[in-house]
Amino acid sequence: LVSLQGIHEGLAREDFEAVARMARLSGRAAPVAAPPGLGQALPGEFRELGGATHMAFDQLAMDALEVGDVQLSLEQLGGLMQNCIQCHARYRLPD
């Protein structure tokens, strides 16, 4: 959520450096911060969706810097958020 908020704030100011910086927080480098062994403990489907989502955040960061188009970034963000919604709906702790 911190990344999403920061991306939105950066887009509102058309600050693509900030958009890229915030997107990278949830990019492929993000799983490095996960506890050792966590990846192996998660279902394959979860890892697949998570990997695609992390790569999409990195793509958003690259495109923000290279293209600098608010509309493109918003479209990419919408797709990313669909991944977030799918994952959070499918994988949640029991009530």
N, C-alpha and C. Protein backbone atom coordinates (compact mmCIF):
# COMPACT_ATOMS: atom_id res chain seq x y z
N LEU A 1 0.81 -1.20 0.00
CA LEU A 1 0.00 0.00 0.00
C LEU A 1 0.86 1.26 0.00
N VAL A 2 2.00 1.19 0.65
CA VAL A 2 2.90 2.35 0.66
C VAL A 2 3.35 2.67 -0.77
N SER A 3 3.70 1.62 -1.52
CA SER A 3 4.11 1.82 -2.91
C SER A 3 2.98 2.42 -3.73
N LEU A 4 1.79 1.85 -3.60
CA LEU A 4 0.64 2.34 -4.38
C LEU A 4 0.34 3.80 -4.07
N GLN A 5 0.37 4.15 -2.79
CA GLN A 5 0.11 5.54 -2.40
C GLN A 5 1.17 6.46 -2.98
N GLY A 6 2.42 6.06 -2.89
CA GLY A 6 3.51 6.88 -3.40
C GLY A 6 3.45 7.03 -4.92
N ILE A 7 3.06 5.98 -5.61
CA ILE A 7 2.92 6.05 -7.06
C ILE A 7 1.81 7.03 -7.42
N HIS A 8 0.68 6.92 -6.76
CA HIS A 8 -0.43 7.85 -7.02
C HIS A 8 -0.01 9.30 -6.75
N GLU A 9 0.67 9.52 -5.66
CA GLU A 9 1.11 10.87 -5.32
C GLU A 9 2.09 11.40 -6.37
N GLY A 10 3.02 10.56 -6.80
CA GLY A 10 3.96 10.95 -7.83
C GLY A 10 3.27 11.27 -9.15
N LEU A 11 2.28 10.47 -9.51
CA LEU A 11 1.56 10.73 -10.75
C LEU A 11 0.78 12.04 -10.68
N ALA A 12 0.21 12.33 -9.53
CA ALA A 12 -0.54 13.58 -9.38
C ALA A 12 0.36 14.79 -9.60
N ARG A 13 1.63 14.66 -9.26
CA ARG A 13 2.59 15.76 -9.43
C ARG A 13 3.39 15.63 -10.74
N GLU A 14 3.12 14.55 -11.48
CA GLU A 14 3.88 14.22 -12.69
C GLU A 14 5.37 14.14 -12.38
N ASP A 15 5.66 13.55 -11.22
CA ASP A 15 7.04 13.34 -10.76
C ASP A 15 7.39 11.88 -11.03
N PHE A 16 7.90 11.61 -12.23
CA PHE A 16 8.14 10.24 -12.65
C PHE A 16 9.33 9.61 -11.94
N GLU A 17 10.23 10.40 -11.42
CA GLU A 17 11.32 9.88 -10.59
C GLU A 17 10.72 9.26 -9.32
N ALA A 18 9.77 9.96 -8.70
CA ALA A 18 9.12 9.44 -7.50
C ALA A 18 8.29 8.20 -7.83
N VAL A 19 7.60 8.23 -8.97
CA VAL A 19 6.81 7.06 -9.39
C VAL A 19 7.72 5.85 -9.50
N ALA A 20 8.84 6.00 -10.18
CA ALA A 20 9.77 4.88 -10.36
C ALA A 20 10.33 4.41 -9.02
N ARG A 21 10.71 5.33 -8.18
CA ARG A 21 11.27 4.98 -6.86
C ARG A 21 10.27 4.17 -6.05
N MET A 22 9.03 4.62 -6.03
CA MET A 22 8.00 3.93 -5.24
C MET A 22 7.63 2.58 -5.86
N ALA A 23 7.59 2.51 -7.18
CA ALA A 23 7.27 1.25 -7.85
C ALA A 23 8.34 0.20 -7.57
N ARG A 24 9.59 0.63 -7.56
CA ARG A 24 10.68 -0.32 -7.30
C ARG A 24 10.60 -0.93 -5.90
N LEU A 25 9.97 -0.24 -4.96
CA LEU A 25 9.82 -0.80 -3.61
C LEU A 25 9.05 -2.11 -3.63
N SER A 26 8.18 -2.28 -4.63
CA SER A 26 7.40 -3.52 -4.75
C SER A 26 7.83 -4.33 -5.97
N GLY A 27 8.98 -3.99 -6.54
CA GLY A 27 9.50 -4.72 -7.69
C GLY A 27 10.15 -6.03 -7.29
N ARG A 28 10.93 -6.58 -8.20
CA ARG A 28 11.56 -7.89 -7.97
C ARG A 28 12.50 -7.89 -6.78
N ALA A 29 12.99 -6.75 -6.36
CA ALA A 29 13.88 -6.69 -5.20
C ALA A 29 13.11 -6.87 -3.90
N ALA A 30 11.80 -6.66 -3.91
CA ALA A 30 11.00 -6.76 -2.68
C ALA A 30 11.07 -8.13 -2.01
N PRO A 31 11.00 -9.25 -2.75
CA PRO A 31 11.05 -10.55 -2.07
C PRO A 31 12.36 -10.81 -1.34
N VAL A 32 13.43 -10.08 -1.68
CA VAL A 32 14.70 -10.25 -0.99
C VAL A 32 14.54 -9.96 0.50
N ALA A 33 13.62 -9.09 0.83
CA ALA A 33 13.39 -8.73 2.23
C ALA A 33 12.58 -9.78 2.98
N ALA A 34 12.03 -10.77 2.27
CA ALA A 34 11.21 -11.81 2.90
C ALA A 34 12.09 -12.73 3.74
N PRO A 35 11.53 -13.31 4.80
CA PRO A 35 12.30 -14.24 5.63
C PRO A 35 12.79 -15.44 4.81
N PRO A 36 13.97 -15.95 5.11
CA PRO A 36 14.49 -17.12 4.39
C PRO A 36 13.52 -18.29 4.46
N GLY A 37 13.34 -18.98 3.35
CA GLY A 37 12.47 -20.15 3.31
C GLY A 37 11.02 -19.86 3.05
N LEU A 38 10.61 -18.60 3.13
CA LEU A 38 9.20 -18.27 2.93
C LEU A 38 8.74 -18.64 1.53
N GLY A 39 9.55 -18.32 0.52
CA GLY A 39 9.17 -18.61 -0.86
C GLY A 39 8.85 -20.07 -1.09
N GLN A 40 9.64 -20.96 -0.53
CA GLN A 40 9.41 -22.39 -0.71
C GLN A 40 8.16 -22.86 0.02
N ALA A 41 7.76 -22.15 1.06
CA ALA A 41 6.59 -22.55 1.85
C ALA A 41 5.28 -22.10 1.20
N LEU A 42 5.34 -21.19 0.26
CA LEU A 42 4.13 -20.65 -0.36
C LEU A 42 3.71 -21.51 -1.54
N PRO A 43 2.40 -21.58 -1.82
CA PRO A 43 1.92 -22.36 -2.97
C PRO A 43 2.50 -21.80 -4.27
N GLY A 44 2.71 -22.69 -5.24
CA GLY A 44 3.27 -22.30 -6.53
C GLY A 44 2.46 -21.22 -7.22
N GLU A 45 1.14 -21.32 -7.14
CA GLU A 45 0.27 -20.32 -7.77
C GLU A 45 0.49 -18.94 -7.16
N PHE A 46 0.69 -18.90 -5.86
CA PHE A 46 0.96 -17.64 -5.16
C PHE A 46 2.28 -17.05 -5.65
N ARG A 47 3.31 -17.91 -5.72
CA ARG A 47 4.63 -17.44 -6.17
C ARG A 47 4.57 -16.94 -7.60
N GLU A 48 3.81 -17.61 -8.45
CA GLU A 48 3.69 -17.21 -9.86
C GLU A 48 3.02 -15.85 -9.98
N LEU A 49 1.90 -15.67 -9.30
CA LEU A 49 1.20 -14.39 -9.34
C LEU A 49 2.04 -13.28 -8.72
N GLY A 50 2.69 -13.60 -7.62
CA GLY A 50 3.55 -12.61 -6.96
C GLY A 50 4.72 -12.20 -7.83
N GLY A 51 5.33 -13.17 -8.49
CA GLY A 51 6.45 -12.87 -9.38
C GLY A 51 6.04 -11.96 -10.53
N ALA A 52 4.87 -12.25 -11.12
CA ALA A 52 4.37 -11.42 -12.21
C ALA A 52 4.07 -10.01 -11.72
N THR A 53 3.57 -9.91 -10.52
CA THR A 53 3.24 -8.60 -9.95
C THR A 53 4.52 -7.79 -9.70
N HIS A 54 5.53 -8.42 -9.13
CA HIS A 54 6.80 -7.74 -8.88
C HIS A 54 7.43 -7.26 -10.18
N MET A 55 7.38 -8.10 -11.22
CA MET A 55 7.93 -7.71 -12.52
C MET A 55 7.14 -6.54 -13.11
N ALA A 56 5.82 -6.53 -12.91
CA ALA A 56 4.99 -5.43 -13.43
C ALA A 56 5.31 -4.12 -12.73
N PHE A 57 5.62 -4.17 -11.43
CA PHE A 57 6.04 -2.95 -10.73
C PHE A 57 7.36 -2.43 -11.32
N ASP A 58 8.28 -3.33 -11.63
CA ASP A 58 9.54 -2.91 -12.24
C ASP A 58 9.30 -2.31 -13.63
N GLN A 59 8.38 -2.89 -14.40
CA GLN A 59 8.06 -2.35 -15.72
C GLN A 59 7.45 -0.96 -15.60
N LEU A 60 6.58 -0.78 -14.62
CA LEU A 60 5.99 0.54 -14.37
C LEU A 60 7.10 1.55 -14.06
N ALA A 61 8.06 1.16 -13.25
CA ALA A 61 9.18 2.05 -12.91
C ALA A 61 9.97 2.43 -14.16
N MET A 62 10.30 1.45 -14.98
CA MET A 62 11.07 1.73 -16.20
C MET A 62 10.30 2.63 -17.15
N ASP A 63 9.02 2.32 -17.36
CA ASP A 63 8.21 3.12 -18.29
C ASP A 63 7.98 4.54 -17.78
N ALA A 64 7.85 4.68 -16.47
CA ALA A 64 7.67 6.02 -15.90
C ALA A 64 8.86 6.89 -16.26
N LEU A 65 10.06 6.34 -16.14
CA LEU A 65 11.26 7.11 -16.44
C LEU A 65 11.48 7.30 -17.94
N GLU A 66 11.21 6.26 -18.72
CA GLU A 66 11.50 6.32 -20.15
C GLU A 66 10.41 7.01 -20.96
N VAL A 67 9.14 6.79 -20.58
CA VAL A 67 8.02 7.33 -21.36
C VAL A 67 7.45 8.58 -20.71
N GLY A 68 7.30 8.56 -19.38
CA GLY A 68 6.79 9.72 -18.66
C GLY A 68 5.37 10.09 -19.04
N ASP A 69 4.49 9.09 -19.10
CA ASP A 69 3.10 9.31 -19.51
C ASP A 69 2.18 8.90 -18.36
N VAL A 70 1.46 9.86 -17.82
CA VAL A 70 0.56 9.58 -16.69
C VAL A 70 -0.47 8.53 -17.06
N GLN A 71 -1.08 8.65 -18.24
CA GLN A 71 -2.13 7.71 -18.64
C GLN A 71 -1.59 6.28 -18.72
N LEU A 72 -0.43 6.09 -19.31
CA LEU A 72 0.18 4.76 -19.38
C LEU A 72 0.43 4.22 -17.98
N SER A 73 0.99 5.05 -17.11
CA SER A 73 1.27 4.61 -15.74
C SER A 73 -0.01 4.22 -15.01
N LEU A 74 -1.07 4.98 -15.21
CA LEU A 74 -2.35 4.65 -14.56
C LEU A 74 -2.91 3.33 -15.08
N GLU A 75 -2.77 3.09 -16.38
CA GLU A 75 -3.23 1.82 -16.95
C GLU A 75 -2.43 0.66 -16.37
N GLN A 76 -1.12 0.82 -16.28
CA GLN A 76 -0.28 -0.22 -15.69
C GLN A 76 -0.65 -0.44 -14.23
N LEU A 77 -0.89 0.63 -13.52
CA LEU A 77 -1.25 0.54 -12.11
C LEU A 77 -2.58 -0.21 -11.94
N GLY A 78 -3.52 0.05 -12.83
CA GLY A 78 -4.79 -0.67 -12.78
C GLY A 78 -4.60 -2.17 -12.94
N GLY A 79 -3.75 -2.58 -13.86
CA GLY A 79 -3.45 -4.00 -14.03
C GLY A 79 -2.77 -4.60 -12.82
N LEU A 80 -1.83 -3.85 -12.26
CA LEU A 80 -1.15 -4.30 -11.05
C LEU A 80 -2.13 -4.52 -9.90
N MET A 81 -3.03 -3.58 -9.75
CA MET A 81 -3.98 -3.67 -8.64
C MET A 81 -4.93 -4.87 -8.83
N GLN A 82 -5.20 -5.25 -10.08
CA GLN A 82 -6.00 -6.46 -10.31
C GLN A 82 -5.27 -7.68 -9.77
N ASN A 83 -3.95 -7.73 -9.98
CA ASN A 83 -3.15 -8.83 -9.42
C ASN A 83 -3.23 -8.82 -7.89
N CYS A 84 -3.11 -7.64 -7.31
CA CYS A 84 -3.19 -7.53 -5.85
C CYS A 84 -4.54 -8.04 -5.34
N ILE A 85 -5.60 -7.62 -6.00
CA ILE A 85 -6.95 -8.02 -5.59
C ILE A 85 -7.12 -9.53 -5.70
N GLN A 86 -6.67 -10.11 -6.82
CA GLN A 86 -6.79 -11.56 -7.01
C GLN A 86 -6.05 -12.32 -5.92
N CYS A 87 -4.84 -11.89 -5.66
CA CYS A 87 -4.02 -12.58 -4.68
C CYS A 87 -4.60 -12.45 -3.27
N HIS A 88 -4.97 -11.25 -2.90
CA HIS A 88 -5.52 -11.04 -1.56
C HIS A 88 -6.86 -11.73 -1.38
N ALA A 89 -7.63 -11.87 -2.44
CA ALA A 89 -8.91 -12.59 -2.35
C ALA A 89 -8.68 -14.09 -2.20
N ARG A 90 -7.67 -14.61 -2.86
CA ARG A 90 -7.42 -16.03 -2.88
C ARG A 90 -6.64 -16.50 -1.65
N TYR A 91 -5.72 -15.69 -1.19
CA TYR A 91 -4.84 -16.09 -0.09
C TYR A 91 -5.04 -15.15 1.09
N ARG A 92 -5.80 -15.61 2.03
CA ARG A 92 -6.04 -14.81 3.23
C ARG A 92 -6.08 -15.74 4.43
N LEU A 93 -5.79 -15.18 5.57
CA LEU A 93 -5.84 -15.96 6.81
C LEU A 93 -7.30 -16.22 7.17
N PRO A 94 -7.58 -17.38 7.76
CA PRO A 94 -8.96 -17.66 8.15
C PRO A 94 -9.45 -16.68 9.20
N ASP A 95 -10.75 -16.40 9.14
CA ASP A 95 -11.37 -15.48 10.11
C ASP A 95 -11.38 -16.07 11.50
